[in-house]
Amino acid sequence: MSNQKLPKWFTGELYKEGETVQNRFSGEKIELTAAELSMYDFIMGATLMLEMGILKEEALEFGAKDLKKGMDWFRKNNSKAYMVLLD
């Protein structure tokens, strides 16, 4: 899966290496590629901003759309990791 490409709309940081990530609730771990880790951090950051109300009202819809697009990308590119970390 090292040939994964992040979508053009992606505005997060692109990591050079992947790493093992742990589900914050279940403790289950899974290895992610650099692209997957980049998208995972983007998803988690967007989730945190939406949950904490950090985004201004005019940015809420934009943030929610990017979060959905990120989740869809992750589900398509690594459904197993999606189930472990995000479902």
N, C-alpha and C. Protein backbone atom coordinates (compact mmCIF):
# COMPACT_ATOMS: atom_id res chain seq x y z
N MET A 1 0.81 -1.20 0.00
CA MET A 1 0.00 0.00 0.00
C MET A 1 0.85 1.27 0.00
N SER A 2 2.13 1.11 -0.28
CA SER A 2 3.01 2.26 -0.25
C SER A 2 2.79 3.19 -1.44
N ASN A 3 2.01 2.77 -2.44
CA ASN A 3 1.75 3.62 -3.59
C ASN A 3 0.48 4.45 -3.41
N GLN A 4 -0.05 4.52 -2.21
CA GLN A 4 -1.25 5.31 -1.94
C GLN A 4 -0.98 6.79 -2.20
N LYS A 5 -1.96 7.44 -2.75
CA LYS A 5 -1.86 8.88 -2.99
C LYS A 5 -2.95 9.58 -2.20
N LEU A 6 -2.57 10.67 -1.57
CA LEU A 6 -3.56 11.47 -0.87
C LEU A 6 -4.29 12.34 -1.89
N PRO A 7 -5.56 12.63 -1.65
CA PRO A 7 -6.33 13.42 -2.60
C PRO A 7 -5.85 14.86 -2.68
N LYS A 8 -6.19 15.52 -3.78
CA LYS A 8 -5.76 16.91 -4.00
C LYS A 8 -6.28 17.86 -2.93
N TRP A 9 -7.45 17.58 -2.37
CA TRP A 9 -8.05 18.47 -1.37
C TRP A 9 -7.34 18.38 -0.02
N PHE A 10 -6.53 17.36 0.19
CA PHE A 10 -5.87 17.13 1.48
C PHE A 10 -4.94 18.29 1.81
N THR A 11 -5.13 18.89 2.99
CA THR A 11 -4.33 20.04 3.40
C THR A 11 -3.48 19.77 4.63
N GLY A 12 -3.46 18.52 5.08
CA GLY A 12 -2.70 18.17 6.28
C GLY A 12 -1.23 17.95 5.97
N GLU A 13 -0.50 17.59 6.99
CA GLU A 13 0.93 17.31 6.84
C GLU A 13 1.12 15.92 6.23
N LEU A 14 2.03 15.82 5.27
CA LEU A 14 2.34 14.55 4.65
C LEU A 14 3.59 13.98 5.31
N TYR A 15 3.43 12.87 6.02
CA TYR A 15 4.55 12.24 6.70
C TYR A 15 5.39 11.42 5.73
N LYS A 16 6.64 11.25 6.06
CA LYS A 16 7.55 10.47 5.22
C LYS A 16 7.54 8.99 5.60
N GLU A 17 7.12 8.69 6.83
CA GLU A 17 7.10 7.30 7.30
C GLU A 17 5.80 7.01 8.03
N GLY A 18 5.39 5.76 7.99
CA GLY A 18 4.23 5.32 8.74
C GLY A 18 4.63 4.91 10.14
N GLU A 19 3.66 4.46 10.91
CA GLU A 19 3.95 3.96 12.26
C GLU A 19 2.73 3.19 12.78
N THR A 20 2.91 2.55 13.91
CA THR A 20 1.83 1.83 14.56
C THR A 20 0.98 2.81 15.35
N VAL A 21 -0.34 2.69 15.18
CA VAL A 21 -1.28 3.57 15.87
C VAL A 21 -2.20 2.71 16.73
N GLN A 22 -2.54 3.23 17.89
CA GLN A 22 -3.39 2.52 18.84
C GLN A 22 -4.75 3.19 18.95
N ASN A 23 -5.82 2.40 18.90
CA ASN A 23 -7.16 2.91 19.10
C ASN A 23 -7.26 3.45 20.52
N ARG A 24 -7.72 4.68 20.64
CA ARG A 24 -7.73 5.34 21.95
C ARG A 24 -8.75 4.74 22.91
N PHE A 25 -9.69 3.96 22.40
CA PHE A 25 -10.71 3.35 23.26
C PHE A 25 -10.44 1.87 23.53
N SER A 26 -10.15 1.11 22.47
CA SER A 26 -9.99 -0.34 22.62
C SER A 26 -8.56 -0.76 22.92
N GLY A 27 -7.59 0.09 22.56
CA GLY A 27 -6.19 -0.27 22.76
C GLY A 27 -5.62 -1.11 21.63
N GLU A 28 -6.47 -1.51 20.66
CA GLU A 28 -6.00 -2.32 19.54
C GLU A 28 -5.04 -1.49 18.69
N LYS A 29 -3.98 -2.14 18.17
CA LYS A 29 -2.95 -1.45 17.40
C LYS A 29 -2.95 -1.94 15.96
N ILE A 30 -2.54 -1.03 15.05
CA ILE A 30 -2.41 -1.40 13.64
C ILE A 30 -1.34 -0.51 12.99
N GLU A 31 -0.61 -1.08 12.06
CA GLU A 31 0.44 -0.37 11.35
C GLU A 31 -0.16 0.43 10.20
N LEU A 32 0.23 1.70 10.07
CA LEU A 32 -0.23 2.55 9.00
C LEU A 32 0.93 2.98 8.11
N THR A 33 0.65 3.15 6.82
CA THR A 33 1.63 3.70 5.91
C THR A 33 1.75 5.21 6.18
N ALA A 34 2.70 5.85 5.53
CA ALA A 34 2.87 7.30 5.69
C ALA A 34 1.61 8.05 5.27
N ALA A 35 1.01 7.67 4.12
CA ALA A 35 -0.20 8.34 3.65
C ALA A 35 -1.36 8.11 4.62
N GLU A 36 -1.50 6.87 5.10
CA GLU A 36 -2.58 6.56 6.04
C GLU A 36 -2.41 7.32 7.35
N LEU A 37 -1.19 7.40 7.84
CA LEU A 37 -0.93 8.13 9.08
C LEU A 37 -1.23 9.62 8.90
N SER A 38 -0.87 10.15 7.76
CA SER A 38 -1.16 11.56 7.46
C SER A 38 -2.67 11.80 7.49
N MET A 39 -3.43 10.93 6.82
CA MET A 39 -4.87 11.09 6.79
C MET A 39 -5.49 10.84 8.16
N TYR A 40 -4.97 9.85 8.89
CA TYR A 40 -5.49 9.56 10.22
C TYR A 40 -5.34 10.79 11.13
N ASP A 41 -4.18 11.40 11.12
CA ASP A 41 -3.97 12.60 11.95
C ASP A 41 -4.87 13.75 11.50
N PHE A 42 -5.08 13.87 10.20
CA PHE A 42 -5.99 14.89 9.66
C PHE A 42 -7.41 14.65 10.19
N ILE A 43 -7.86 13.40 10.14
CA ILE A 43 -9.20 13.03 10.62
C ILE A 43 -9.33 13.31 12.11
N MET A 44 -8.32 12.89 12.87
CA MET A 44 -8.39 13.09 14.32
C MET A 44 -8.37 14.58 14.67
N GLY A 45 -7.58 15.36 13.95
CA GLY A 45 -7.53 16.81 14.19
C GLY A 45 -8.86 17.46 13.86
N ALA A 46 -9.46 17.09 12.73
CA ALA A 46 -10.76 17.65 12.34
C ALA A 46 -11.83 17.25 13.34
N THR A 47 -11.79 16.01 13.80
CA THR A 47 -12.75 15.53 14.79
C THR A 47 -12.64 16.34 16.08
N LEU A 48 -11.42 16.53 16.53
CA LEU A 48 -11.18 17.28 17.76
C LEU A 48 -11.68 18.72 17.63
N MET A 49 -11.38 19.36 16.50
CA MET A 49 -11.83 20.74 16.31
C MET A 49 -13.35 20.83 16.28
N LEU A 50 -14.01 19.87 15.64
CA LEU A 50 -15.47 19.89 15.60
C LEU A 50 -16.06 19.63 16.98
N GLU A 51 -15.51 18.65 17.70
CA GLU A 51 -16.02 18.31 19.03
C GLU A 51 -15.82 19.44 20.04
N MET A 52 -14.71 20.15 19.92
CA MET A 52 -14.41 21.22 20.88
C MET A 52 -15.00 22.57 20.46
N GLY A 53 -15.59 22.62 19.28
CA GLY A 53 -16.18 23.86 18.81
C GLY A 53 -15.14 24.90 18.45
N ILE A 54 -13.95 24.46 18.04
CA ILE A 54 -12.87 25.38 17.71
C ILE A 54 -13.14 26.10 16.39
N LEU A 55 -13.82 25.42 15.47
CA LEU A 55 -14.09 26.03 14.18
C LEU A 55 -15.18 27.09 14.31
N LYS A 56 -14.99 28.18 13.62
CA LYS A 56 -16.01 29.22 13.60
C LYS A 56 -17.20 28.71 12.80
N GLU A 57 -18.35 29.29 13.05
CA GLU A 57 -19.58 28.80 12.45
C GLU A 57 -19.48 28.63 10.94
N GLU A 58 -18.86 29.60 10.26
CA GLU A 58 -18.77 29.51 8.80
C GLU A 58 -17.84 28.39 8.34
N ALA A 59 -16.97 27.91 9.20
CA ALA A 59 -16.05 26.84 8.84
C ALA A 59 -16.56 25.46 9.25
N LEU A 60 -17.63 25.39 10.01
CA LEU A 60 -18.14 24.10 10.48
C LEU A 60 -18.51 23.17 9.33
N GLU A 61 -19.26 23.68 8.37
CA GLU A 61 -19.69 22.84 7.25
C GLU A 61 -18.48 22.37 6.46
N PHE A 62 -17.52 23.26 6.22
CA PHE A 62 -16.31 22.91 5.50
C PHE A 62 -15.53 21.83 6.26
N GLY A 63 -15.39 21.99 7.56
CA GLY A 63 -14.67 21.01 8.38
C GLY A 63 -15.36 19.66 8.39
N ALA A 64 -16.68 19.66 8.47
CA ALA A 64 -17.44 18.41 8.46
C ALA A 64 -17.31 17.71 7.11
N LYS A 65 -17.31 18.48 6.02
CA LYS A 65 -17.15 17.87 4.69
C LYS A 65 -15.78 17.24 4.54
N ASP A 66 -14.74 17.94 5.00
CA ASP A 66 -13.39 17.38 4.92
C ASP A 66 -13.25 16.14 5.79
N LEU A 67 -13.88 16.15 6.94
CA LEU A 67 -13.85 14.98 7.81
C LEU A 67 -14.49 13.79 7.11
N LYS A 68 -15.64 13.98 6.50
CA LYS A 68 -16.32 12.90 5.78
C LYS A 68 -15.46 12.40 4.61
N LYS A 69 -14.87 13.33 3.85
CA LYS A 69 -14.02 12.93 2.73
C LYS A 69 -12.81 12.14 3.23
N GLY A 70 -12.24 12.56 4.35
CA GLY A 70 -11.11 11.84 4.93
C GLY A 70 -11.49 10.44 5.37
N MET A 71 -12.63 10.32 6.01
CA MET A 71 -13.11 9.00 6.45
C MET A 71 -13.37 8.10 5.24
N ASP A 72 -13.97 8.65 4.19
CA ASP A 72 -14.23 7.87 2.97
C ASP A 72 -12.92 7.41 2.34
N TRP A 73 -11.93 8.32 2.27
CA TRP A 73 -10.63 7.95 1.72
C TRP A 73 -10.01 6.82 2.53
N PHE A 74 -10.06 6.92 3.84
CA PHE A 74 -9.44 5.92 4.71
C PHE A 74 -10.15 4.57 4.57
N ARG A 75 -11.48 4.59 4.53
CA ARG A 75 -12.27 3.36 4.38
C ARG A 75 -11.91 2.66 3.08
N LYS A 76 -11.73 3.43 2.00
CA LYS A 76 -11.42 2.87 0.68
C LYS A 76 -9.99 2.33 0.62
N ASN A 77 -9.04 3.03 1.25
CA ASN A 77 -7.64 2.68 1.12
C ASN A 77 -7.14 1.64 2.11
N ASN A 78 -7.79 1.52 3.27
CA ASN A 78 -7.40 0.50 4.24
C ASN A 78 -8.58 0.22 5.16
N SER A 79 -9.49 -0.61 4.66
CA SER A 79 -10.72 -0.87 5.41
C SER A 79 -10.45 -1.54 6.76
N LYS A 80 -9.40 -2.37 6.84
CA LYS A 80 -9.08 -3.02 8.12
C LYS A 80 -8.66 -1.98 9.16
N ALA A 81 -7.76 -1.08 8.79
CA ALA A 81 -7.33 -0.03 9.71
C ALA A 81 -8.49 0.89 10.06
N TYR A 82 -9.34 1.15 9.09
CA TYR A 82 -10.53 1.98 9.36
C TYR A 82 -11.37 1.35 10.45
N MET A 83 -11.60 0.03 10.34
CA MET A 83 -12.41 -0.68 11.33
C MET A 83 -11.74 -0.66 12.71
N VAL A 84 -10.44 -0.77 12.76
CA VAL A 84 -9.71 -0.79 14.04
C VAL A 84 -9.69 0.59 14.69
N LEU A 85 -9.46 1.61 13.89
CA LEU A 85 -9.20 2.95 14.45
C LEU A 85 -10.37 3.92 14.42
N LEU A 86 -11.24 3.81 13.43
CA LEU A 86 -12.21 4.87 13.21
C LEU A 86 -13.67 4.46 13.25
N ASP A 87 -13.96 3.18 13.17
CA ASP A 87 -15.36 2.74 13.13
C ASP A 87 -16.00 2.74 14.49
